[in-house]
């Protein structure tokens, strides 16, 4: 095992119990990372992102603010919060966030160490189709982000309240269109 991995694991052990538990629970996924390179395990692409990839500017059934908001919420579930959303304060302490960061670093170090042992990894990814699937995942994510931005612009045009519009947008009147 590389010296960096060992030192990261020692740092996680010193950080605290929750970080060590997080590393213990994530080691299996980190160690099986080569399965992705051999295209034996694939990242799931949510249906809403595949639909966005097919037609990011589709306006069918988006004639009400509630339907626009529902589609934005589906995209948020798949992509995480949009850049216009304020950071969510979940009540965690700075020390807990530091422990989580240390645990993620340890898992990344383990994952990188395991995949570094694969000779010709780039060729294997190309030949197995894993690289093509990885590009497809990134394309679907980009299409989902574009669709979400488009929908929020459409919501602003129709004077919709968030989430059918950006979080900072305030509709022109108290009576929102439905």
N, C-alpha and C. Protein backbone atom coordinates (compact mmCIF):
# COMPACT_ATOMS: atom_id res chain seq x y z
N UNK A 1 0.84 -1.17 0.00
CA UNK A 1 0.00 0.00 0.00
C UNK A 1 0.89 1.23 0.00
N UNK A 2 0.46 2.24 -0.70
CA UNK A 2 1.26 3.45 -0.80
C UNK A 2 1.31 4.19 0.53
N UNK A 3 2.38 4.97 0.70
CA UNK A 3 2.55 5.74 1.94
C UNK A 3 1.44 6.76 2.12
N UNK A 4 0.96 7.37 1.03
CA UNK A 4 -0.11 8.36 1.11
C UNK A 4 -1.40 7.76 1.64
N UNK A 5 -1.71 6.54 1.22
CA UNK A 5 -2.92 5.87 1.68
C UNK A 5 -2.81 5.59 3.16
N UNK A 6 -1.66 5.08 3.59
CA UNK A 6 -1.46 4.76 5.00
C UNK A 6 -1.58 6.02 5.85
N UNK A 7 -0.93 7.10 5.44
CA UNK A 7 -1.00 8.33 6.24
C UNK A 7 -2.41 8.90 6.27
N UNK A 8 -3.16 8.77 5.16
CA UNK A 8 -4.54 9.24 5.14
C UNK A 8 -5.40 8.42 6.08
N UNK A 9 -5.20 7.09 6.07
CA UNK A 9 -5.98 6.23 6.97
C UNK A 9 -5.66 6.52 8.44
N UNK A 10 -4.41 6.81 8.75
CA UNK A 10 -4.03 7.16 10.12
C UNK A 10 -4.70 8.47 10.51
N UNK A 11 -4.71 9.44 9.60
CA UNK A 11 -5.35 10.73 9.89
C UNK A 11 -6.84 10.55 10.15
N UNK A 12 -7.49 9.69 9.36
CA UNK A 12 -8.92 9.43 9.57
C UNK A 12 -9.15 8.78 10.92
N UNK A 13 -8.29 7.84 11.29
CA UNK A 13 -8.44 7.17 12.58
C UNK A 13 -8.31 8.16 13.72
N UNK A 14 -7.43 9.13 13.56
CA UNK A 14 -7.25 10.13 14.62
C UNK A 14 -8.38 11.15 14.65
N UNK A 15 -9.04 11.38 13.51
CA UNK A 15 -10.11 12.38 13.42
C UNK A 15 -11.29 12.02 14.31
N UNK A 16 -11.71 10.80 14.24
CA UNK A 16 -12.86 10.45 15.06
C UNK A 16 -13.57 9.22 14.57
N UNK A 17 -14.48 8.80 15.38
CA UNK A 17 -15.18 7.55 15.17
C UNK A 17 -16.06 7.60 13.91
N UNK A 18 -16.78 8.71 13.68
CA UNK A 18 -17.70 8.74 12.55
C UNK A 18 -16.95 8.68 11.23
N UNK A 19 -15.78 9.32 11.14
CA UNK A 19 -15.00 9.26 9.90
C UNK A 19 -14.48 7.85 9.67
N UNK A 20 -14.03 7.19 10.74
CA UNK A 20 -13.54 5.81 10.60
C UNK A 20 -14.67 4.89 10.17
N UNK A 21 -15.85 5.09 10.69
CA UNK A 21 -17.01 4.29 10.29
C UNK A 21 -17.35 4.54 8.84
N UNK A 22 -17.29 5.81 8.43
CA UNK A 22 -17.58 6.16 7.04
C UNK A 22 -16.58 5.49 6.10
N UNK A 23 -15.31 5.46 6.48
CA UNK A 23 -14.29 4.81 5.66
C UNK A 23 -14.55 3.31 5.62
N UNK A 24 -14.83 2.71 6.78
CA UNK A 24 -15.08 1.27 6.84
C UNK A 24 -16.24 0.89 5.92
N UNK A 25 -17.31 1.70 5.95
CA UNK A 25 -18.48 1.40 5.14
C UNK A 25 -18.22 1.62 3.65
N UNK A 26 -17.29 2.50 3.28
CA UNK A 26 -17.03 2.81 1.88
C UNK A 26 -15.87 2.06 1.26
N UNK A 27 -15.15 1.28 2.05
CA UNK A 27 -13.98 0.57 1.54
C UNK A 27 -14.37 -0.42 0.45
N UNK A 28 -15.49 -1.09 0.62
CA UNK A 28 -15.92 -2.07 -0.38
C UNK A 28 -16.09 -1.45 -1.76
N UNK A 29 -16.74 -0.30 -1.80
CA UNK A 29 -16.93 0.38 -3.09
C UNK A 29 -15.60 0.86 -3.66
N UNK A 30 -14.70 1.33 -2.79
CA UNK A 30 -13.40 1.82 -3.26
C UNK A 30 -12.55 0.68 -3.81
N UNK A 31 -12.58 -0.46 -3.15
CA UNK A 31 -11.77 -1.60 -3.57
C UNK A 31 -12.31 -2.21 -4.87
N UNK A 32 -13.61 -2.12 -5.09
CA UNK A 32 -14.19 -2.69 -6.31
C UNK A 32 -14.22 -1.69 -7.45
N UNK A 33 -13.53 -0.56 -7.33
CA UNK A 33 -13.49 0.45 -8.39
C UNK A 33 -13.01 -0.11 -9.73
N UNK A 34 -12.08 -1.08 -9.77
CA UNK A 34 -11.67 -1.63 -11.07
C UNK A 34 -12.82 -2.27 -11.85
N UNK A 35 -13.87 -2.70 -11.17
CA UNK A 35 -15.01 -3.27 -11.88
C UNK A 35 -15.62 -2.26 -12.84
N UNK A 36 -15.56 -0.99 -12.50
CA UNK A 36 -16.05 0.06 -13.39
C UNK A 36 -15.15 0.16 -14.62
N UNK A 37 -13.83 0.04 -14.42
CA UNK A 37 -12.90 0.11 -15.55
C UNK A 37 -13.10 -1.03 -16.53
N UNK A 38 -13.48 -2.21 -16.03
CA UNK A 38 -13.73 -3.36 -16.89
C UNK A 38 -15.17 -3.39 -17.39
N UNK A 39 -15.94 -2.34 -17.07
CA UNK A 39 -17.33 -2.18 -17.50
C UNK A 39 -18.22 -3.29 -16.94
N UNK A 40 -17.84 -3.81 -15.78
CA UNK A 40 -18.65 -4.83 -15.11
C UNK A 40 -19.63 -4.19 -14.13
N UNK A 41 -19.36 -2.95 -13.77
CA UNK A 41 -20.27 -2.17 -12.93
C UNK A 41 -20.41 -0.81 -13.58
N UNK A 42 -21.65 -0.36 -13.76
CA UNK A 42 -21.91 0.90 -14.44
C UNK A 42 -22.66 1.87 -13.55
N UNK A 43 -22.36 3.14 -13.74
CA UNK A 43 -23.07 4.18 -13.01
C UNK A 43 -24.47 4.32 -13.62
N UNK A 44 -25.47 4.35 -12.76
CA UNK A 44 -26.86 4.47 -13.19
C UNK A 44 -27.15 5.90 -13.65
N UNK A 45 -27.84 6.05 -14.78
CA UNK A 45 -28.24 7.36 -15.27
C UNK A 45 -29.75 7.49 -15.04
N UNK A 46 -30.18 8.44 -14.20
CA UNK A 46 -31.62 8.60 -13.94
C UNK A 46 -32.40 8.91 -15.23
N UNK A 47 -33.63 8.43 -15.29
CA UNK A 47 -34.48 8.61 -16.46
C UNK A 47 -34.66 10.08 -16.82
N UNK A 48 -34.80 10.95 -15.82
CA UNK A 48 -35.01 12.36 -16.10
C UNK A 48 -33.82 12.96 -16.86
N UNK A 49 -32.61 12.46 -16.60
CA UNK A 49 -31.43 12.96 -17.32
C UNK A 49 -31.39 12.39 -18.75
N UNK A 50 -31.81 11.15 -18.92
CA UNK A 50 -31.88 10.58 -20.28
C UNK A 50 -32.91 11.33 -21.12
N UNK A 51 -34.04 11.70 -20.50
CA UNK A 51 -35.05 12.48 -21.21
C UNK A 51 -34.52 13.85 -21.58
N UNK A 52 -33.79 14.48 -20.67
CA UNK A 52 -33.20 15.79 -20.94
C UNK A 52 -32.18 15.70 -22.06
N UNK A 53 -31.44 14.61 -22.09
CA UNK A 53 -30.44 14.42 -23.13
C UNK A 53 -31.12 14.29 -24.50
N UNK A 54 -32.29 13.66 -24.52
CA UNK A 54 -33.03 13.49 -25.76
C UNK A 54 -33.59 14.79 -26.30
N UNK A 55 -34.08 15.67 -25.41
CA UNK A 55 -34.66 16.94 -25.84
C UNK A 55 -34.67 17.91 -24.65
N UNK A 56 -33.59 18.65 -24.44
CA UNK A 56 -33.52 19.53 -23.26
C UNK A 56 -34.49 20.71 -23.31
N UNK A 57 -35.03 21.02 -24.48
CA UNK A 57 -35.91 22.19 -24.61
C UNK A 57 -37.35 21.80 -24.88
N UNK A 58 -37.73 20.61 -24.51
CA UNK A 58 -39.09 20.12 -24.69
C UNK A 58 -40.05 20.90 -23.78
N UNK A 59 -41.13 21.42 -24.35
CA UNK A 59 -42.10 22.19 -23.55
C UNK A 59 -43.45 21.50 -23.43
N UNK A 60 -43.54 20.25 -23.90
CA UNK A 60 -44.81 19.54 -23.77
C UNK A 60 -45.21 19.42 -22.30
N UNK A 61 -46.47 19.66 -22.01
CA UNK A 61 -47.06 19.53 -20.67
C UNK A 61 -46.44 20.49 -19.66
N UNK A 62 -45.86 21.57 -20.10
CA UNK A 62 -45.29 22.56 -19.19
C UNK A 62 -46.06 23.88 -19.29
N UNK A 63 -47.38 23.80 -19.23
CA UNK A 63 -48.21 24.99 -19.37
C UNK A 63 -48.61 25.61 -18.04
N UNK A 64 -48.18 25.03 -16.93
CA UNK A 64 -48.50 25.57 -15.60
C UNK A 64 -47.23 25.62 -14.76
N UNK A 65 -47.22 26.55 -13.81
CA UNK A 65 -46.07 26.67 -12.91
C UNK A 65 -45.85 25.39 -12.11
N UNK A 66 -46.91 24.72 -11.73
CA UNK A 66 -46.77 23.51 -10.92
C UNK A 66 -46.07 22.40 -11.70
N UNK A 67 -46.35 22.29 -13.00
CA UNK A 67 -45.68 21.24 -13.79
C UNK A 67 -44.22 21.60 -14.04
N UNK A 68 -43.92 22.88 -14.22
CA UNK A 68 -42.52 23.31 -14.37
C UNK A 68 -41.77 23.03 -13.08
N UNK A 69 -42.38 23.38 -11.95
CA UNK A 69 -41.74 23.15 -10.65
C UNK A 69 -41.50 21.66 -10.41
N UNK A 70 -42.46 20.82 -10.78
CA UNK A 70 -42.31 19.37 -10.59
C UNK A 70 -41.13 18.84 -11.40
N UNK A 71 -40.96 19.35 -12.61
CA UNK A 71 -39.85 18.90 -13.46
C UNK A 71 -38.51 19.40 -12.90
N UNK A 72 -38.48 20.63 -12.39
CA UNK A 72 -37.25 21.15 -11.76
C UNK A 72 -36.90 20.32 -10.53
N UNK A 73 -37.87 19.94 -9.75
CA UNK A 73 -37.64 19.12 -8.55
C UNK A 73 -37.08 17.75 -8.95
N UNK A 74 -37.62 17.15 -10.00
CA UNK A 74 -37.08 15.86 -10.49
C UNK A 74 -35.62 16.00 -10.90
N UNK A 75 -35.29 17.11 -11.57
CA UNK A 75 -33.90 17.34 -11.97
C UNK A 75 -33.02 17.59 -10.76
N UNK A 76 -33.53 18.33 -9.77
CA UNK A 76 -32.76 18.55 -8.53
C UNK A 76 -32.48 17.24 -7.81
N UNK A 77 -33.44 16.33 -7.82
CA UNK A 77 -33.24 15.03 -7.19
C UNK A 77 -32.11 14.26 -7.87
N UNK A 78 -32.00 14.38 -9.19
CA UNK A 78 -30.97 13.66 -9.94
C UNK A 78 -29.62 14.36 -9.90
N UNK A 79 -29.63 15.69 -9.91
CA UNK A 79 -28.39 16.47 -10.04
C UNK A 79 -27.87 17.08 -8.75
N UNK A 80 -28.72 17.17 -7.75
CA UNK A 80 -28.36 17.92 -6.55
C UNK A 80 -28.82 19.37 -6.72
N UNK A 81 -28.57 20.20 -5.72
CA UNK A 81 -29.06 21.58 -5.78
C UNK A 81 -28.40 22.38 -6.90
N UNK A 82 -29.14 23.33 -7.42
CA UNK A 82 -28.65 24.21 -8.48
C UNK A 82 -27.73 25.27 -7.88
N UNK A 83 -26.98 25.94 -8.73
CA UNK A 83 -26.02 26.94 -8.25
C UNK A 83 -26.71 28.16 -7.65
N UNK A 84 -27.97 28.39 -7.97
CA UNK A 84 -28.67 29.54 -7.39
C UNK A 84 -29.23 29.24 -6.00
N UNK A 85 -29.15 28.00 -5.57
CA UNK A 85 -29.66 27.62 -4.25
C UNK A 85 -28.64 27.97 -3.17
N UNK A 86 -29.08 28.52 -2.06
CA UNK A 86 -28.13 28.77 -0.96
C UNK A 86 -27.67 27.45 -0.37
N UNK A 87 -26.44 27.40 0.16
CA UNK A 87 -25.98 26.15 0.77
C UNK A 87 -26.89 25.73 1.90
N UNK A 88 -27.17 24.45 1.95
CA UNK A 88 -28.07 23.90 2.97
C UNK A 88 -27.31 23.72 4.28
N UNK A 89 -27.77 24.37 5.32
CA UNK A 89 -27.15 24.22 6.63
C UNK A 89 -27.83 23.05 7.33
N UNK A 90 -27.11 21.94 7.41
CA UNK A 90 -27.69 20.75 8.01
C UNK A 90 -27.39 20.62 9.50
N UNK A 91 -26.78 21.66 10.07
CA UNK A 91 -26.52 21.67 11.50
C UNK A 91 -25.25 20.94 11.91
N UNK A 92 -24.45 20.51 10.93
CA UNK A 92 -23.22 19.82 11.29
C UNK A 92 -22.16 20.83 11.73
N UNK A 93 -21.33 20.40 12.63
CA UNK A 93 -20.25 21.24 13.12
C UNK A 93 -19.08 21.20 12.13
N UNK A 94 -18.22 22.20 12.21
CA UNK A 94 -17.05 22.26 11.34
C UNK A 94 -16.18 21.01 11.52
N UNK A 95 -16.07 20.52 12.75
CA UNK A 95 -15.25 19.32 12.99
C UNK A 95 -15.85 18.10 12.30
N UNK A 96 -17.18 18.01 12.26
CA UNK A 96 -17.83 16.89 11.58
C UNK A 96 -17.62 16.97 10.07
N UNK A 97 -17.67 18.19 9.52
CA UNK A 97 -17.42 18.35 8.08
C UNK A 97 -15.98 18.00 7.76
N UNK A 98 -15.05 18.34 8.67
CA UNK A 98 -13.63 18.00 8.47
C UNK A 98 -13.45 16.48 8.50
N UNK A 99 -14.15 15.81 9.40
CA UNK A 99 -14.07 14.35 9.46
C UNK A 99 -14.61 13.72 8.17
N UNK A 100 -15.72 14.27 7.67
CA UNK A 100 -16.28 13.76 6.41
C UNK A 100 -15.30 13.96 5.26
N UNK A 101 -14.65 15.11 5.23
CA UNK A 101 -13.67 15.39 4.17
C UNK A 101 -12.49 14.43 4.27
N UNK A 102 -12.04 14.16 5.49
CA UNK A 102 -10.93 13.22 5.68
C UNK A 102 -11.34 11.81 5.24
N UNK A 103 -12.56 11.42 5.55
CA UNK A 103 -13.04 10.09 5.14
C UNK A 103 -13.12 10.00 3.62
N UNK A 104 -13.63 11.05 2.96
CA UNK A 104 -13.69 11.05 1.49
C UNK A 104 -12.29 10.98 0.89
N UNK A 105 -11.34 11.70 1.48
CA UNK A 105 -9.95 11.67 0.99
C UNK A 105 -9.36 10.27 1.14
N UNK A 106 -9.64 9.62 2.26
CA UNK A 106 -9.12 8.26 2.47
C UNK A 106 -9.71 7.30 1.45
N UNK A 107 -11.00 7.40 1.20
CA UNK A 107 -11.63 6.52 0.22
C UNK A 107 -11.10 6.79 -1.19
N UNK A 108 -10.88 8.05 -1.52
CA UNK A 108 -10.30 8.39 -2.82
C UNK A 108 -8.90 7.81 -2.95
N UNK A 109 -8.12 7.89 -1.87
CA UNK A 109 -6.76 7.34 -1.90
C UNK A 109 -6.78 5.84 -2.10
N UNK A 110 -7.70 5.15 -1.44
CA UNK A 110 -7.83 3.70 -1.60
C UNK A 110 -8.24 3.38 -3.04
N UNK A 111 -9.24 4.10 -3.54
CA UNK A 111 -9.72 3.88 -4.91
C UNK A 111 -8.60 4.09 -5.92
N UNK A 112 -7.83 5.18 -5.75
CA UNK A 112 -6.73 5.47 -6.67
C UNK A 112 -5.64 4.41 -6.58
N UNK A 113 -5.33 3.94 -5.38
CA UNK A 113 -4.31 2.91 -5.23
C UNK A 113 -4.72 1.61 -5.91
N UNK A 114 -5.97 1.26 -5.78
CA UNK A 114 -6.44 0.01 -6.38
C UNK A 114 -6.44 0.11 -7.90
N UNK A 115 -6.88 1.24 -8.45
CA UNK A 115 -6.93 1.37 -9.91
C UNK A 115 -5.55 1.61 -10.52
N UNK A 116 -4.58 2.10 -9.75
CA UNK A 116 -3.22 2.31 -10.26
C UNK A 116 -2.55 0.99 -10.61
N UNK A 117 -3.00 -0.11 -10.04
CA UNK A 117 -2.37 -1.41 -10.29
C UNK A 117 -2.82 -2.03 -11.61
N UNK A 118 -3.77 -1.43 -12.29
CA UNK A 118 -4.26 -1.99 -13.55
C UNK A 118 -3.34 -1.54 -14.67
N UNK A 119 -2.60 -2.46 -15.29
CA UNK A 119 -1.73 -2.06 -16.41
C UNK A 119 -2.59 -1.73 -17.64
N UNK A 120 -2.24 -0.65 -18.29
CA UNK A 120 -2.99 -0.24 -19.49
C UNK A 120 -4.42 0.13 -19.19
N UNK A 121 -4.65 0.76 -18.07
CA UNK A 121 -6.01 1.09 -17.61
C UNK A 121 -6.80 1.87 -18.67
N UNK A 122 -6.16 2.85 -19.31
CA UNK A 122 -6.86 3.65 -20.32
C UNK A 122 -7.32 2.79 -21.49
N UNK A 123 -6.46 1.84 -21.92
CA UNK A 123 -6.84 0.95 -23.01
C UNK A 123 -7.98 0.03 -22.58
N UNK A 124 -7.91 -0.46 -21.38
CA UNK A 124 -8.97 -1.34 -20.88
C UNK A 124 -10.29 -0.60 -20.84
N UNK A 125 -10.27 0.64 -20.39
CA UNK A 125 -11.50 1.44 -20.34
C UNK A 125 -12.06 1.67 -21.74
N UNK A 126 -11.19 1.90 -22.72
CA UNK A 126 -11.64 2.09 -24.10
C UNK A 126 -12.23 0.80 -24.66
N UNK A 127 -11.51 -0.30 -24.51
CA UNK A 127 -11.94 -1.58 -25.09
C UNK A 127 -13.18 -2.15 -24.42
N UNK A 128 -13.34 -1.91 -23.13
CA UNK A 128 -14.48 -2.48 -22.41
C UNK A 128 -15.76 -1.65 -22.59
N UNK A 129 -15.62 -0.42 -23.07
CA UNK A 129 -16.78 0.45 -23.22
C UNK A 129 -17.03 1.32 -22.00
N UNK A 130 -16.19 1.18 -20.97
CA UNK A 130 -16.38 1.97 -19.75
C UNK A 130 -16.17 3.46 -20.02
N UNK A 131 -15.22 3.79 -20.87
CA UNK A 131 -14.96 5.20 -21.18
C UNK A 131 -16.14 5.82 -21.92
N UNK A 132 -16.72 5.07 -22.86
CA UNK A 132 -17.89 5.55 -23.59
C UNK A 132 -19.07 5.77 -22.64
N UNK A 133 -19.27 4.84 -21.72
CA UNK A 133 -20.36 5.00 -20.75
C UNK A 133 -20.11 6.21 -19.85
N UNK A 134 -18.87 6.41 -19.45
CA UNK A 134 -18.52 7.57 -18.63
C UNK A 134 -18.84 8.88 -19.37
N UNK A 135 -18.52 8.92 -20.66
CA UNK A 135 -18.85 10.11 -21.46
C UNK A 135 -20.37 10.29 -21.56
N UNK A 136 -21.10 9.17 -21.68
CA UNK A 136 -22.56 9.25 -21.75
C UNK A 136 -23.14 9.81 -20.45
N UNK A 137 -22.60 9.37 -19.31
CA UNK A 137 -23.04 9.88 -18.01
C UNK A 137 -22.82 11.40 -17.95
N UNK A 138 -21.64 11.86 -18.35
CA UNK A 138 -21.34 13.30 -18.31
C UNK A 138 -22.24 14.09 -19.26
N UNK A 139 -22.53 13.52 -20.42
CA UNK A 139 -23.43 14.16 -21.38
C UNK A 139 -24.84 14.31 -20.81
N UNK A 140 -25.31 13.26 -20.15
CA UNK A 140 -26.65 13.30 -19.54
C UNK A 140 -26.70 14.33 -18.41
N UNK A 141 -25.65 14.43 -17.63
CA UNK A 141 -25.60 15.42 -16.55
C UNK A 141 -25.64 16.82 -17.13
N UNK A 142 -24.85 17.07 -18.18
CA UNK A 142 -24.84 18.40 -18.80
C UNK A 142 -26.20 18.74 -19.40
N UNK A 143 -26.85 17.77 -20.04
CA UNK A 143 -28.18 18.00 -20.60
C UNK A 143 -29.18 18.30 -19.49
N UNK A 144 -29.07 17.62 -18.36
CA UNK A 144 -29.97 17.87 -17.23
C UNK A 144 -29.77 19.28 -16.67
N UNK A 145 -28.53 19.72 -16.58
CA UNK A 145 -28.26 21.09 -16.11
C UNK A 145 -28.82 22.12 -17.08
N UNK A 146 -28.64 21.88 -18.37
CA UNK A 146 -29.18 22.80 -19.38
C UNK A 146 -30.70 22.86 -19.29
N UNK A 147 -31.33 21.69 -19.15
CA UNK A 147 -32.79 21.66 -19.06
C UNK A 147 -33.28 22.39 -17.81
N UNK A 148 -32.63 22.18 -16.70
CA UNK A 148 -33.04 22.87 -15.47
C UNK A 148 -32.94 24.38 -15.64
N UNK A 149 -31.86 24.86 -16.23
CA UNK A 149 -31.70 26.30 -16.47
C UNK A 149 -32.79 26.81 -17.41
N UNK A 150 -33.07 26.05 -18.45
CA UNK A 150 -34.12 26.42 -19.40
C UNK A 150 -35.48 26.50 -18.70
N UNK A 151 -35.78 25.50 -17.88
CA UNK A 151 -37.07 25.48 -17.19
C UNK A 151 -37.20 26.66 -16.23
N UNK A 152 -36.13 26.99 -15.53
CA UNK A 152 -36.20 28.13 -14.61
C UNK A 152 -36.38 29.44 -15.38
N UNK A 153 -35.78 29.55 -16.55
CA UNK A 153 -36.00 30.73 -17.40
C UNK A 153 -37.44 30.78 -17.89
N UNK A 154 -37.98 29.62 -18.26
CA UNK A 154 -39.38 29.53 -18.68
C UNK A 154 -40.30 29.91 -17.53
N UNK A 155 -39.96 29.46 -16.33
CA UNK A 155 -40.75 29.81 -15.15
C UNK A 155 -40.72 31.31 -14.86
N UNK A 156 -39.57 31.94 -15.02
CA UNK A 156 -39.49 33.40 -14.84
C UNK A 156 -40.36 34.11 -15.88
N UNK A 157 -40.29 33.65 -17.12
CA UNK A 157 -41.08 34.25 -18.19
C UNK A 157 -42.57 34.16 -17.87
N UNK A 158 -42.98 33.08 -17.23
CA UNK A 158 -44.39 32.88 -16.90
C UNK A 158 -44.74 33.37 -15.50
N UNK A 159 -43.79 34.06 -14.85
CA UNK A 159 -44.01 34.66 -13.54
C UNK A 159 -44.29 33.62 -12.46
N UNK A 160 -43.56 32.52 -12.50
CA UNK A 160 -43.73 31.44 -11.52
C UNK A 160 -42.82 31.67 -10.32
N UNK A 161 -43.25 31.19 -9.17
CA UNK A 161 -42.44 31.24 -7.96
C UNK A 161 -41.44 30.08 -7.97
N UNK A 162 -40.34 30.20 -7.22
CA UNK A 162 -39.41 29.08 -7.10
C UNK A 162 -40.13 27.86 -6.53
N UNK A 163 -39.78 26.67 -6.91
CA UNK A 163 -38.61 26.23 -7.65
C UNK A 163 -38.76 26.27 -9.16
N UNK A 164 -39.91 26.74 -9.68
CA UNK A 164 -40.10 26.82 -11.12
C UNK A 164 -39.31 27.99 -11.72
N UNK A 165 -38.64 28.75 -10.89
CA UNK A 165 -37.79 29.86 -11.30
C UNK A 165 -36.60 29.88 -10.34
N UNK A 166 -35.59 30.71 -10.61
CA UNK A 166 -34.44 30.77 -9.69
C UNK A 166 -34.87 31.17 -8.27
N UNK A 167 -34.11 30.73 -7.29
CA UNK A 167 -34.49 30.96 -5.89
C UNK A 167 -34.56 32.44 -5.53
N UNK A 168 -33.82 33.29 -6.23
CA UNK A 168 -33.81 34.73 -5.94
C UNK A 168 -34.98 35.46 -6.60
N UNK A 169 -35.68 34.83 -7.53
CA UNK A 169 -36.74 35.49 -8.30
C UNK A 169 -38.00 35.64 -7.47
N UNK A 170 -38.59 36.82 -7.53
CA UNK A 170 -39.86 37.08 -6.86
C UNK A 170 -40.90 37.44 -7.93
N UNK A 171 -41.98 36.67 -8.00
CA UNK A 171 -43.02 36.96 -9.01
C UNK A 171 -43.55 38.38 -8.85
N UNK A 172 -44.03 38.95 -9.95
CA UNK A 172 -44.46 40.36 -9.99
C UNK A 172 -45.66 40.67 -9.12
N UNK A 173 -46.50 39.69 -8.83
CA UNK A 173 -47.67 39.96 -7.99
C UNK A 173 -47.82 38.86 -6.97
N UNK A 174 -48.67 39.10 -5.98
CA UNK A 174 -48.88 38.11 -4.92
C UNK A 174 -49.63 36.90 -5.46
N UNK A 175 -50.42 37.09 -6.50
CA UNK A 175 -51.17 35.98 -7.09
C UNK A 175 -50.31 35.34 -8.17
N UNK A 176 -49.71 34.21 -7.85
CA UNK A 176 -48.86 33.52 -8.82
C UNK A 176 -49.72 32.82 -9.84
N UNK A 177 -49.30 32.80 -11.07
CA UNK A 177 -50.05 32.01 -12.05
C UNK A 177 -49.89 30.52 -11.76
N UNK A 178 -50.91 29.79 -11.95
CA UNK A 178 -50.87 28.34 -11.71
C UNK A 178 -51.06 27.66 -13.02
